Amino acid sequence: MDQVQIQRQRNSGEWVTVMVVQNLAPNITNAMKATARSNPGSRVRAIDGNGRVVDIL
């Protein structure tokens, strides 16, 4: 099973990986929502193993 990196964007514009989850829709959604709650006002995205954006909040 592939893994997906959940990243948040810092104020400087840099993307930082905060967790890695399995590439399953519920896992990605839950991880992105948790990251958004922990970092209000930050953009959150999911990146696959090839560097492609899977989802973004």
N, C-alpha and C. Protein backbone atom coordinates (compact mmCIF):
# COMPACT_ATOMS: atom_id res chain seq x y z
N MET A 1 0.86 -1.19 0.00
CA MET A 1 0.00 0.00 0.00
C MET A 1 0.89 1.24 0.00
N ASP A 2 0.58 2.16 -0.87
CA ASP A 2 1.34 3.41 -0.94
C ASP A 2 1.03 4.28 0.28
N GLN A 3 1.94 5.19 0.55
CA GLN A 3 1.74 6.12 1.65
C GLN A 3 1.60 7.53 1.10
N VAL A 4 0.92 8.36 1.88
CA VAL A 4 0.66 9.75 1.51
C VAL A 4 1.17 10.64 2.64
N GLN A 5 1.86 11.70 2.27
CA GLN A 5 2.34 12.68 3.25
C GLN A 5 1.28 13.75 3.45
N ILE A 6 0.97 14.05 4.68
CA ILE A 6 0.08 15.15 5.01
C ILE A 6 0.97 16.33 5.38
N GLN A 7 0.81 17.44 4.67
CA GLN A 7 1.66 18.60 4.87
C GLN A 7 0.83 19.83 5.18
N ARG A 8 1.45 20.75 5.93
CA ARG A 8 0.83 22.05 6.17
C ARG A 8 1.78 23.12 5.68
N GLN A 9 1.22 24.28 5.33
CA GLN A 9 2.05 25.36 4.82
C GLN A 9 2.35 26.35 5.94
N ARG A 10 3.63 26.63 6.13
CA ARG A 10 4.05 27.62 7.12
C ARG A 10 3.78 29.02 6.59
N ASN A 11 3.86 30.01 7.46
CA ASN A 11 3.64 31.40 7.06
C ASN A 11 4.64 31.83 5.99
N SER A 12 5.82 31.21 5.99
CA SER A 12 6.86 31.56 5.01
C SER A 12 6.57 30.96 3.63
N GLY A 13 5.56 30.10 3.54
CA GLY A 13 5.21 29.47 2.27
C GLY A 13 5.76 28.07 2.12
N GLU A 14 6.62 27.67 3.05
CA GLU A 14 7.25 26.34 3.01
C GLU A 14 6.24 25.27 3.45
N TRP A 15 6.22 24.15 2.73
CA TRP A 15 5.38 23.02 3.10
C TRP A 15 6.15 22.08 4.01
N VAL A 16 5.53 21.66 5.11
CA VAL A 16 6.16 20.80 6.10
C VAL A 16 5.31 19.55 6.30
N THR A 17 5.93 18.38 6.22
CA THR A 17 5.22 17.12 6.45
C THR A 17 4.97 16.96 7.94
N VAL A 18 3.70 16.72 8.30
CA VAL A 18 3.35 16.55 9.71
C VAL A 18 2.99 15.11 10.04
N MET A 19 2.59 14.32 9.03
CA MET A 19 2.32 12.91 9.26
C MET A 19 2.28 12.17 7.94
N VAL A 20 2.40 10.85 8.03
CA VAL A 20 2.34 9.98 6.86
C VAL A 20 1.26 8.93 7.13
N VAL A 21 0.35 8.74 6.16
CA VAL A 21 -0.74 7.78 6.31
C VAL A 21 -0.81 6.88 5.08
N GLN A 22 -1.54 5.78 5.21
CA GLN A 22 -1.77 4.90 4.07
C GLN A 22 -2.68 5.60 3.07
N ASN A 23 -2.50 5.28 1.80
CA ASN A 23 -3.26 5.91 0.72
C ASN A 23 -4.67 5.33 0.64
N LEU A 24 -5.47 5.63 1.65
CA LEU A 24 -6.87 5.26 1.71
C LEU A 24 -7.66 6.53 2.01
N ALA A 25 -8.73 6.75 1.27
CA ALA A 25 -9.49 8.00 1.38
C ALA A 25 -9.85 8.38 2.81
N PRO A 26 -10.40 7.46 3.62
CA PRO A 26 -10.75 7.86 5.00
C PRO A 26 -9.53 8.29 5.82
N ASN A 27 -8.41 7.60 5.64
CA ASN A 27 -7.19 7.96 6.38
C ASN A 27 -6.72 9.35 5.99
N ILE A 28 -6.73 9.64 4.70
CA ILE A 28 -6.27 10.95 4.21
C ILE A 28 -7.18 12.05 4.74
N THR A 29 -8.49 11.84 4.63
CA THR A 29 -9.45 12.85 5.08
C THR A 29 -9.31 13.12 6.57
N ASN A 30 -9.24 12.07 7.38
CA ASN A 30 -9.13 12.25 8.83
C ASN A 30 -7.82 12.95 9.20
N ALA A 31 -6.73 12.57 8.56
CA ALA A 31 -5.43 13.19 8.87
C ALA A 31 -5.41 14.65 8.46
N MET A 32 -6.00 14.97 7.31
CA MET A 32 -6.03 16.37 6.86
C MET A 32 -6.89 17.22 7.78
N LYS A 33 -8.03 16.69 8.21
CA LYS A 33 -8.90 17.44 9.12
C LYS A 33 -8.22 17.66 10.47
N ALA A 34 -7.53 16.64 10.97
CA ALA A 34 -6.82 16.76 12.25
C ALA A 34 -5.70 17.80 12.15
N THR A 35 -4.99 17.79 11.04
CA THR A 35 -3.91 18.76 10.83
C THR A 35 -4.47 20.17 10.74
N ALA A 36 -5.59 20.34 10.04
CA ALA A 36 -6.22 21.66 9.91
C ALA A 36 -6.69 22.17 11.28
N ARG A 37 -7.24 21.28 12.11
CA ARG A 37 -7.67 21.68 13.45
C ARG A 37 -6.48 22.11 14.31
N SER A 38 -5.37 21.41 14.17
CA SER A 38 -4.18 21.70 14.98
C SER A 38 -3.44 22.95 14.52
N ASN A 39 -3.67 23.34 13.27
CA ASN A 39 -2.96 24.49 12.67
C ASN A 39 -3.96 25.41 12.00
N PRO A 40 -4.79 26.11 12.79
CA PRO A 40 -5.82 26.97 12.20
C PRO A 40 -5.20 28.03 11.29
N GLY A 41 -5.82 28.23 10.15
CA GLY A 41 -5.36 29.24 9.21
C GLY A 41 -4.31 28.73 8.23
N SER A 42 -3.77 27.53 8.46
CA SER A 42 -2.78 26.97 7.55
C SER A 42 -3.46 26.17 6.44
N ARG A 43 -2.86 26.19 5.27
CA ARG A 43 -3.32 25.33 4.20
C ARG A 43 -2.76 23.93 4.44
N VAL A 44 -3.53 22.91 4.07
CA VAL A 44 -3.14 21.53 4.29
C VAL A 44 -3.28 20.79 2.97
N ARG A 45 -2.31 19.91 2.68
CA ARG A 45 -2.40 19.13 1.45
C ARG A 45 -1.90 17.71 1.71
N ALA A 46 -2.27 16.81 0.79
CA ALA A 46 -1.81 15.43 0.81
C ALA A 46 -1.02 15.19 -0.47
N ILE A 47 0.17 14.60 -0.32
CA ILE A 47 1.08 14.36 -1.44
C ILE A 47 1.37 12.87 -1.52
N ASP A 48 1.26 12.28 -2.73
CA ASP A 48 1.57 10.86 -2.88
C ASP A 48 3.07 10.64 -3.01
N GLY A 49 3.47 9.39 -3.17
CA GLY A 49 4.88 9.03 -3.24
C GLY A 49 5.61 9.61 -4.43
N ASN A 50 4.87 10.03 -5.47
CA ASN A 50 5.46 10.62 -6.66
C ASN A 50 5.47 12.15 -6.62
N GLY A 51 5.03 12.72 -5.50
CA GLY A 51 5.02 14.17 -5.34
C GLY A 51 3.79 14.85 -5.90
N ARG A 52 2.79 14.06 -6.30
CA ARG A 52 1.55 14.65 -6.84
C ARG A 52 0.58 14.99 -5.72
N VAL A 53 -0.13 16.10 -5.88
CA VAL A 53 -1.12 16.51 -4.89
C VAL A 53 -2.35 15.61 -5.02
N VAL A 54 -2.71 14.98 -3.92
CA VAL A 54 -3.87 14.10 -3.88
C VAL A 54 -5.10 14.88 -3.47
N ASP A 55 -4.93 15.80 -2.49
CA ASP A 55 -6.04 16.60 -1.97
C ASP A 55 -5.44 17.84 -1.31
N ILE A 56 -6.25 18.89 -1.19
CA ILE A 56 -5.78 20.13 -0.55
C ILE A 56 -6.97 20.79 0.14
N LEU A 57 -6.71 21.37 1.31
CA LEU A 57 -7.73 22.14 2.05
C LEU A 57 -7.32 23.59 2.08
